Amino acid sequence: RPALIYCSITGFGQEGPYATRAGYDFLIQGMA
């Protein structure tokens, strides 16, 4: 279905050295 809009939400994004980590709000407030 090429017209589909597919939205992924993760802790650190689909790419990068942290991509496979789980993201939690508290941790992100500290890291950011």
PDB file of all heavy atoms in Angstrom:
ATOM      1  N   ARG A   1       0.857  -1.195   0.000  1.00  0.00           N
ATOM      2  CA  ARG A   1       0.000   0.000   0.000  1.00  0.00           C
ATOM      3  C   ARG A   1       0.884   1.232   0.000  1.00  0.00           C
ATOM      4  O   ARG A   1       1.190   1.801   1.068  1.00  0.00           O
ATOM      5  CB  ARG A   1      -0.920  -0.028   1.220  1.00  0.00           C
ATOM      6  CG  ARG A   1      -1.849   1.169   1.334  1.00  0.00           C
ATOM      7  CD  ARG A   1      -3.052   0.854   2.209  1.00  0.00           C
ATOM      8  NE  ARG A   1      -3.744   2.018   2.697  1.00  0.00           N
ATOM      9  CZ  ARG A   1      -4.453   2.881   1.954  1.00  0.00           C
ATOM     10  NH1 ARG A   1      -4.505   2.727   0.650  1.00  0.00           N
ATOM     11  NH2 ARG A   1      -5.067   3.905   2.516  1.00  0.00           N
ATOM     12  N   PRO A   2       1.326   1.688  -1.173  1.00  0.00           N
ATOM     13  CA  PRO A   2       2.265   2.813  -1.250  1.00  0.00           C
ATOM     14  C   PRO A   2       1.724   4.112  -0.653  1.00  0.00           C
ATOM     15  O   PRO A   2       2.511   4.972  -0.248  1.00  0.00           O
ATOM     16  CB  PRO A   2       2.521   2.960  -2.752  1.00  0.00           C
ATOM     17  CG  PRO A   2       2.209   1.618  -3.329  1.00  0.00           C
ATOM     18  CD  PRO A   2       1.083   1.083  -2.500  1.00  0.00           C
ATOM     19  N   ALA A   3       0.406   4.248  -0.571  1.00  0.00           N
ATOM     20  CA  ALA A   3      -0.175   5.483  -0.033  1.00  0.00           C
ATOM     21  C   ALA A   3      -0.217   5.513   1.486  1.00  0.00           C
ATOM     22  O   ALA A   3      -0.609   6.523   2.080  1.00  0.00           O
ATOM     23  CB  ALA A   3      -1.589   5.686  -0.585  1.00  0.00           C
ATOM     24  N   LEU A   4       0.209   4.434   2.127  1.00  0.00           N
ATOM     25  CA  LEU A   4       0.165   4.365   3.588  1.00  0.00           C
ATOM     26  C   LEU A   4       1.151   5.346   4.217  1.00  0.00           C
ATOM     27  O   LEU A   4       2.297   5.481   3.776  1.00  0.00           O
ATOM     28  CB  LEU A   4       0.509   2.944   4.047  1.00  0.00           C
ATOM     29  CG  LEU A   4       0.566   2.712   5.561  1.00  0.00           C
ATOM     30  CD1 LEU A   4      -0.823   2.854   6.180  1.00  0.00           C
ATOM     31  CD2 LEU A   4       1.156   1.336   5.867  1.00  0.00           C
ATOM     32  N   ILE A   5       0.718   5.996   5.281  1.00  0.00           N
ATOM     33  CA  ILE A   5       1.609   6.824   6.100  1.00  0.00           C
ATOM     34  C   ILE A   5       1.923   6.025   7.352  1.00  0.00           C
ATOM     35  O   ILE A   5       1.034   5.712   8.151  1.00  0.00           O
ATOM     36  CB  ILE A   5       0.958   8.174   6.415  1.00  0.00           C
ATOM     37  CG1 ILE A   5       0.813   8.969   5.119  1.00  0.00           C
ATOM     38  CG2 ILE A   5       1.784   8.951   7.445  1.00  0.00           C
ATOM     39  CD1 ILE A   5      -0.121  10.129   5.207  1.00  0.00           C
ATOM     40  N   TYR A   6       3.192   5.682   7.499  1.00  0.00           N
ATOM     41  CA  TYR A   6       3.641   4.781   8.547  1.00  0.00           C
ATOM     42  C   TYR A   6       4.533   5.556   9.494  1.00  0.00           C
ATOM     43  O   TYR A   6       5.587   6.044   9.106  1.00  0.00           O
ATOM     44  CB  TYR A   6       4.409   3.624   7.914  1.00  0.00           C
ATOM     45  CG  TYR A   6       4.745   2.476   8.850  1.00  0.00           C
ATOM     46  CD1 TYR A   6       4.005   1.307   8.840  1.00  0.00           C
ATOM     47  CD2 TYR A   6       5.828   2.553   9.724  1.00  0.00           C
ATOM     48  CE1 TYR A   6       4.310   0.235   9.670  1.00  0.00           C
ATOM     49  CE2 TYR A   6       6.151   1.502  10.561  1.00  0.00           C
ATOM     50  CZ  TYR A   6       5.389   0.342  10.532  1.00  0.00           C
ATOM     51  OH  TYR A   6       5.711  -0.708  11.356  1.00  0.00           O
ATOM     52  N   CYS A   7       4.101   5.685  10.745  1.00  0.00           N
ATOM     53  CA  CYS A   7       4.822   6.494  11.723  1.00  0.00           C
ATOM     54  C   CYS A   7       5.394   5.614  12.822  1.00  0.00           C
ATOM     55  O   CYS A   7       4.650   4.980  13.570  1.00  0.00           O
ATOM     56  CB  CYS A   7       3.891   7.545  12.331  1.00  0.00           C
ATOM     57  SG  CYS A   7       4.677   8.576  13.591  1.00  0.00           S
ATOM     58  N   SER A   8       6.726   5.580  12.909  1.00  0.00           N
ATOM     59  CA  SER A   8       7.416   4.843  13.962  1.00  0.00           C
ATOM     60  C   SER A   8       7.909   5.804  15.028  1.00  0.00           C
ATOM     61  O   SER A   8       8.525   6.832  14.710  1.00  0.00           O
ATOM     62  CB  SER A   8       8.614   4.075  13.393  1.00  0.00           C
ATOM     63  OG  SER A   8       8.196   3.040  12.548  1.00  0.00           O
ATOM     64  N   ILE A   9       7.659   5.467  16.277  1.00  0.00           N
ATOM     65  CA  ILE A   9       8.150   6.256  17.409  1.00  0.00           C
ATOM     66  C   ILE A   9       9.048   5.365  18.254  1.00  0.00           C
ATOM     67  O   ILE A   9       8.627   4.302  18.723  1.00  0.00           O
ATOM     68  CB  ILE A   9       6.982   6.800  18.247  1.00  0.00           C
ATOM     69  CG1 ILE A   9       6.129   7.767  17.412  1.00  0.00           C
ATOM     70  CG2 ILE A   9       7.507   7.503  19.499  1.00  0.00           C
ATOM     71  CD1 ILE A   9       4.903   8.287  18.121  1.00  0.00           C
ATOM     72  N   THR A  10      10.288   5.781  18.432  1.00  0.00           N
ATOM     73  CA  THR A  10      11.247   5.022  19.225  1.00  0.00           C
ATOM     74  C   THR A  10      12.000   5.971  20.140  1.00  0.00           C
ATOM     75  O   THR A  10      11.849   7.189  20.050  1.00  0.00           O
ATOM     76  CB  THR A  10      12.258   4.295  18.317  1.00  0.00           C
ATOM     77  OG1 THR A  10      12.916   5.268  17.489  1.00  0.00           O
ATOM     78  CG2 THR A  10      11.575   3.253  17.447  1.00  0.00           C
ATOM     79  N   GLY A  11      12.827   5.399  21.007  1.00  0.00           N
ATOM     80  CA  GLY A  11      13.612   6.241  21.899  1.00  0.00           C
ATOM     81  C   GLY A  11      14.676   7.036  21.169  1.00  0.00           C
ATOM     82  O   GLY A  11      14.900   8.216  21.457  1.00  0.00           O
ATOM     83  N   PHE A  12      15.338   6.380  20.177  1.00  0.00           N
ATOM     84  CA  PHE A  12      16.522   6.995  19.590  1.00  0.00           C
ATOM     85  C   PHE A  12      16.515   7.044  18.071  1.00  0.00           C
ATOM     86  O   PHE A  12      17.502   7.469  17.465  1.00  0.00           O
ATOM     87  CB  PHE A  12      17.766   6.234  20.073  1.00  0.00           C
ATOM     88  CG  PHE A  12      17.928   6.275  21.570  1.00  0.00           C
ATOM     89  CD1 PHE A  12      17.446   5.242  22.362  1.00  0.00           C
ATOM     90  CD2 PHE A  12      18.524   7.353  22.196  1.00  0.00           C
ATOM     91  CE1 PHE A  12      17.577   5.276  23.752  1.00  0.00           C
ATOM     92  CE2 PHE A  12      18.650   7.408  23.577  1.00  0.00           C
ATOM     93  CZ  PHE A  12      18.177   6.361  24.345  1.00  0.00           C
ATOM     94  N   GLY A  13      15.423   6.645  17.437  1.00  0.00           N
ATOM     95  CA  GLY A  13      15.357   6.698  15.988  1.00  0.00           C
ATOM     96  C   GLY A  13      15.716   5.374  15.348  1.00  0.00           C
ATOM     97  O   GLY A  13      16.179   4.439  16.000  1.00  0.00           O
ATOM     98  N   GLN A  14      15.503   5.298  14.037  1.00  0.00           N
ATOM     99  CA  GLN A  14      15.691   4.057  13.295  1.00  0.00           C
ATOM    100  C   GLN A  14      17.156   3.760  12.992  1.00  0.00           C
ATOM    101  O   GLN A  14      17.499   2.639  12.622  1.00  0.00           O
ATOM    102  CB  GLN A  14      14.902   4.128  11.981  1.00  0.00           C
ATOM    103  CG  GLN A  14      13.401   4.255  12.163  1.00  0.00           C
ATOM    104  CD  GLN A  14      12.789   3.041  12.827  1.00  0.00           C
ATOM    105  OE1 GLN A  14      12.985   1.914  12.378  1.00  0.00           O
ATOM    106  NE2 GLN A  14      12.018   3.265  13.889  1.00  0.00           N
ATOM    107  N   GLU A  15      18.024   4.739  13.113  1.00  0.00           N
ATOM    108  CA  GLU A  15      19.433   4.554  12.802  1.00  0.00           C
ATOM    109  C   GLU A  15      20.289   5.186  13.885  1.00  0.00           C
ATOM    110  O   GLU A  15      19.812   6.014  14.662  1.00  0.00           O
ATOM    111  CB  GLU A  15      19.771   5.180  11.446  1.00  0.00           C
ATOM    112  CG  GLU A  15      19.008   4.585  10.275  1.00  0.00           C
ATOM    113  CD  GLU A  15      19.328   5.295   8.973  1.00  0.00           C
ATOM    114  OE1 GLU A  15      19.814   6.447   9.042  1.00  0.00           O
ATOM    115  OE2 GLU A  15      19.112   4.703   7.906  1.00  0.00           O
ATOM    116  N   GLY A  16      21.581   4.830  13.911  1.00  0.00           N
ATOM    117  CA  GLY A  16      22.510   5.407  14.869  1.00  0.00           C
ATOM    118  C   GLY A  16      22.948   4.397  15.910  1.00  0.00           C
ATOM    119  O   GLY A  16      22.357   3.322  16.053  1.00  0.00           O
ATOM    120  N   PRO A  17      23.994   4.723  16.678  1.00  0.00           N
ATOM    121  CA  PRO A  17      24.559   3.766  17.634  1.00  0.00           C
ATOM    122  C   PRO A  17      23.616   3.374  18.760  1.00  0.00           C
ATOM    123  O   PRO A  17      23.815   2.339  19.399  1.00  0.00           O
ATOM    124  CB  PRO A  17      25.796   4.497  18.168  1.00  0.00           C
ATOM    125  CG  PRO A  17      25.552   5.952  17.897  1.00  0.00           C
ATOM    126  CD  PRO A  17      24.758   5.988  16.639  1.00  0.00           C
ATOM    127  N   TYR A  18      22.597   4.185  19.048  1.00  0.00           N
ATOM    128  CA  TYR A  18      21.659   3.866  20.131  1.00  0.00           C
ATOM    129  C   TYR A  18      20.331   3.328  19.621  1.00  0.00           C
ATOM    130  O   TYR A  18      19.393   3.140  20.403  1.00  0.00           O
ATOM    131  CB  TYR A  18      21.368   5.108  20.973  1.00  0.00           C
ATOM    132  CG  TYR A  18      22.553   5.781  21.605  1.00  0.00           C
ATOM    133  CD1 TYR A  18      22.476   7.105  22.024  1.00  0.00           C
ATOM    134  CD2 TYR A  18      23.769   5.109  21.795  1.00  0.00           C
ATOM    135  CE1 TYR A  18      23.558   7.742  22.620  1.00  0.00           C
ATOM    136  CE2 TYR A  18      24.860   5.733  22.373  1.00  0.00           C
ATOM    137  CZ  TYR A  18      24.748   7.052  22.780  1.00  0.00           C
ATOM    138  OH  TYR A  18      25.814   7.676  23.353  1.00  0.00           O
ATOM    139  N   ALA A  19      20.218   3.080  18.315  1.00  0.00           N
ATOM    140  CA  ALA A  19      18.913   2.779  17.720  1.00  0.00           C
ATOM    141  C   ALA A  19      18.215   1.587  18.363  1.00  0.00           C
ATOM    142  O   ALA A  19      16.989   1.575  18.490  1.00  0.00           O
ATOM    143  CB  ALA A  19      19.060   2.551  16.216  1.00  0.00           C
ATOM    144  N   THR A  20      18.979   0.603  18.806  1.00  0.00           N
ATOM    145  CA  THR A  20      18.334  -0.601  19.350  1.00  0.00           C
ATOM    146  C   THR A  20      17.989  -0.483  20.826  1.00  0.00           C
ATOM    147  O   THR A  20      17.373  -1.386  21.394  1.00  0.00           O
ATOM    148  CB  THR A  20      19.256  -1.827  19.162  1.00  0.00           C
ATOM    149  OG1 THR A  20      20.510  -1.587  19.826  1.00  0.00           O
ATOM    150  CG2 THR A  20      19.506  -2.087  17.673  1.00  0.00           C
ATOM    151  N   ARG A  21      18.363   0.622  21.463  1.00  0.00           N
ATOM    152  CA  ARG A  21      18.054   0.788  22.885  1.00  0.00           C
ATOM    153  C   ARG A  21      16.578   1.116  23.097  1.00  0.00           C
ATOM    154  O   ARG A  21      15.946   1.786  22.282  1.00  0.00           O
ATOM    155  CB  ARG A  21      18.880   1.924  23.489  1.00  0.00           C
ATOM    156  CG  ARG A  21      20.371   1.681  23.553  1.00  0.00           C
ATOM    157  CD  ARG A  21      21.026   2.836  24.304  1.00  0.00           C
ATOM    158  NE  ARG A  21      22.473   2.733  24.320  1.00  0.00           N
ATOM    159  CZ  ARG A  21      23.269   3.617  24.937  1.00  0.00           C
ATOM    160  NH1 ARG A  21      22.738   4.654  25.594  1.00  0.00           N
ATOM    161  NH2 ARG A  21      24.576   3.469  24.902  1.00  0.00           N
ATOM    162  N   ALA A  22      16.062   0.687  24.232  1.00  0.00           N
ATOM    163  CA  ALA A  22      14.718   1.113  24.630  1.00  0.00           C
ATOM    164  C   ALA A  22      14.799   2.548  25.160  1.00  0.00           C
ATOM    165  O   ALA A  22      15.788   2.932  25.782  1.00  0.00           O
ATOM    166  CB  ALA A  22      14.168   0.195  25.706  1.00  0.00           C
ATOM    167  N   GLY A  23      13.782   3.329  24.887  1.00  0.00           N
ATOM    168  CA  GLY A  23      13.768   4.723  25.329  1.00  0.00           C
ATOM    169  C   GLY A  23      12.677   4.975  26.341  1.00  0.00           C
ATOM    170  O   GLY A  23      11.525   4.577  26.138  1.00  0.00           O
ATOM    171  N   TYR A  24      13.035   5.614  27.450  1.00  0.00           N
ATOM    172  CA  TYR A  24      12.067   5.976  28.474  1.00  0.00           C
ATOM    173  C   TYR A  24      12.173   7.480  28.733  1.00  0.00           C
ATOM    174  O   TYR A  24      13.266   8.044  28.737  1.00  0.00           O
ATOM    175  CB  TYR A  24      12.334   5.194  29.765  1.00  0.00           C
ATOM    176  CG  TYR A  24      12.117   3.715  29.606  1.00  0.00           C
ATOM    177  CD1 TYR A  24      13.160   2.879  29.209  1.00  0.00           C
ATOM    178  CD2 TYR A  24      10.863   3.146  29.818  1.00  0.00           C
ATOM    179  CE1 TYR A  24      12.957   1.512  29.049  1.00  0.00           C
ATOM    180  CE2 TYR A  24      10.655   1.786  29.665  1.00  0.00           C
ATOM    181  CZ  TYR A  24      11.706   0.972  29.281  1.00  0.00           C
ATOM    182  OH  TYR A  24      11.501  -0.373  29.111  1.00  0.00           O
ATOM    183  N   ASP A  25      11.038   8.090  28.958  1.00  0.00           N
ATOM    184  CA  ASP A  25      10.984   9.541  29.088  1.00  0.00           C
ATOM    185  C   ASP A  25      12.021  10.078  30.075  1.00  0.00           C
ATOM    186  O   ASP A  25      12.746  11.029  29.773  1.00  0.00           O
ATOM    187  CB  ASP A  25       9.575   9.967  29.518  1.00  0.00           C
ATOM    188  CG  ASP A  25       9.450  11.462  29.707  1.00  0.00           C
ATOM    189  OD1 ASP A  25       9.741  11.949  30.826  1.00  0.00           O
ATOM    190  OD2 ASP A  25       9.069  12.153  28.748  1.00  0.00           O
ATOM    191  N   PHE A  26      12.104   9.507  31.257  1.00  0.00           N
ATOM    192  CA  PHE A  26      13.010   9.981  32.303  1.00  0.00           C
ATOM    193  C   PHE A  26      14.465   9.943  31.809  1.00  0.00           C
ATOM    194  O   PHE A  26      15.221  10.912  31.942  1.00  0.00           O
ATOM    195  CB  PHE A  26      12.828   9.105  33.540  1.00  0.00           C
ATOM    196  CG  PHE A  26      13.465   9.639  34.797  1.00  0.00           C
ATOM    197  CD1 PHE A  26      14.105  10.865  34.848  1.00  0.00           C
ATOM    198  CD2 PHE A  26      13.409   8.889  35.962  1.00  0.00           C
ATOM    199  CE1 PHE A  26      14.681  11.336  36.023  1.00  0.00           C
ATOM    200  CE2 PHE A  26      13.977   9.349  37.144  1.00  0.00           C
ATOM    201  CZ  PHE A  26      14.626  10.574  37.164  1.00  0.00           C
ATOM    202  N   LEU A  27      14.851   8.815  31.215  1.00  0.00           N
ATOM    203  CA  LEU A  27      16.210   8.705  30.694  1.00  0.00           C
ATOM    204  C   LEU A  27      16.474   9.741  29.602  1.00  0.00           C
ATOM    205  O   LEU A  27      17.560  10.330  29.533  1.00  0.00           O
ATOM    206  CB  LEU A  27      16.439   7.303  30.134  1.00  0.00           C
ATOM    207  CG  LEU A  27      16.292   6.128  31.101  1.00  0.00           C
ATOM    208  CD1 LEU A  27      16.536   4.810  30.386  1.00  0.00           C
ATOM    209  CD2 LEU A  27      17.252   6.287  32.277  1.00  0.00           C
ATOM    210  N   ILE A  28      15.482   9.948  28.751  1.00  0.00           N
ATOM    211  CA  ILE A  28      15.661  10.888  27.644  1.00  0.00           C
ATOM    212  C   ILE A  28      15.804  12.314  28.163  1.00  0.00           C
ATOM    213  O   ILE A  28      16.624  13.092  27.660  1.00  0.00           O
ATOM    214  CB  ILE A  28      14.485  10.786  26.661  1.00  0.00           C
ATOM    215  CG1 ILE A  28      14.437   9.392  26.024  1.00  0.00           C
ATOM    216  CG2 ILE A  28      14.576  11.864  25.592  1.00  0.00           C
ATOM    217  CD1 ILE A  28      15.629   9.030  25.187  1.00  0.00           C
ATOM    218  N   GLN A  29      15.028  12.687  29.175  1.00  0.00           N
ATOM    219  CA  GLN A  29      15.178  14.035  29.732  1.00  0.00           C
ATOM    220  C   GLN A  29      16.601  14.256  30.224  1.00  0.00           C
ATOM    221  O   GLN A  29      17.157  15.347  30.084  1.00  0.00           O
ATOM    222  CB  GLN A  29      14.188  14.255  30.878  1.00  0.00           C
ATOM    223  CG  GLN A  29      12.741  14.408  30.432  1.00  0.00           C
ATOM    224  CD  GLN A  29      11.854  14.942  31.547  1.00  0.00           C
ATOM    225  OE1 GLN A  29      12.238  15.853  32.275  1.00  0.00           O
ATOM    226  NE2 GLN A  29      10.652  14.399  31.665  1.00  0.00           N
ATOM    227  N   GLY A  30      17.201  13.214  30.802  1.00  0.00           N
ATOM    228  CA  GLY A  30      18.585  13.333  31.243  1.00  0.00           C
ATOM    229  C   GLY A  30      19.554  13.392  30.082  1.00  0.00           C
ATOM    230  O   GLY A  30      20.432  14.264  30.022  1.00  0.00           O
ATOM    231  N   MET A  31      19.423  12.475  29.123  1.00  0.00           N
ATOM    232  CA  MET A  31      20.365  12.406  28.017  1.00  0.00           C
ATOM    233  C   MET A  31      20.286  13.622  27.105  1.00  0.00           C
ATOM    234  O   MET A  31      21.291  14.032  26.513  1.00  0.00           O
ATOM    235  CB  MET A  31      20.112  11.136  27.201  1.00  0.00           C
ATOM    236  CG  MET A  31      20.416   9.860  27.939  1.00  0.00           C
ATOM    237  SD  MET A  31      20.137   8.392  26.923  1.00  0.00           S
ATOM    238  CE  MET A  31      21.489   8.562  25.748  1.00  0.00           C
ATOM    239  N   ALA A  32      19.102  14.212  26.980  1.00  0.00           N
ATOM    240  CA  ALA A  32      18.903  15.339  26.070  1.00  0.00           C
ATOM    241  C   ALA A  32      19.295  16.680  26.674  1.00  0.00           C
ATOM    242  O   ALA A  32      19.169  17.711  26.013  1.00  0.00           O
ATOM    243  CB  ALA A  32      17.442  15.386  25.622  1.00  0.00           C
TER     244      ALA A  32
END
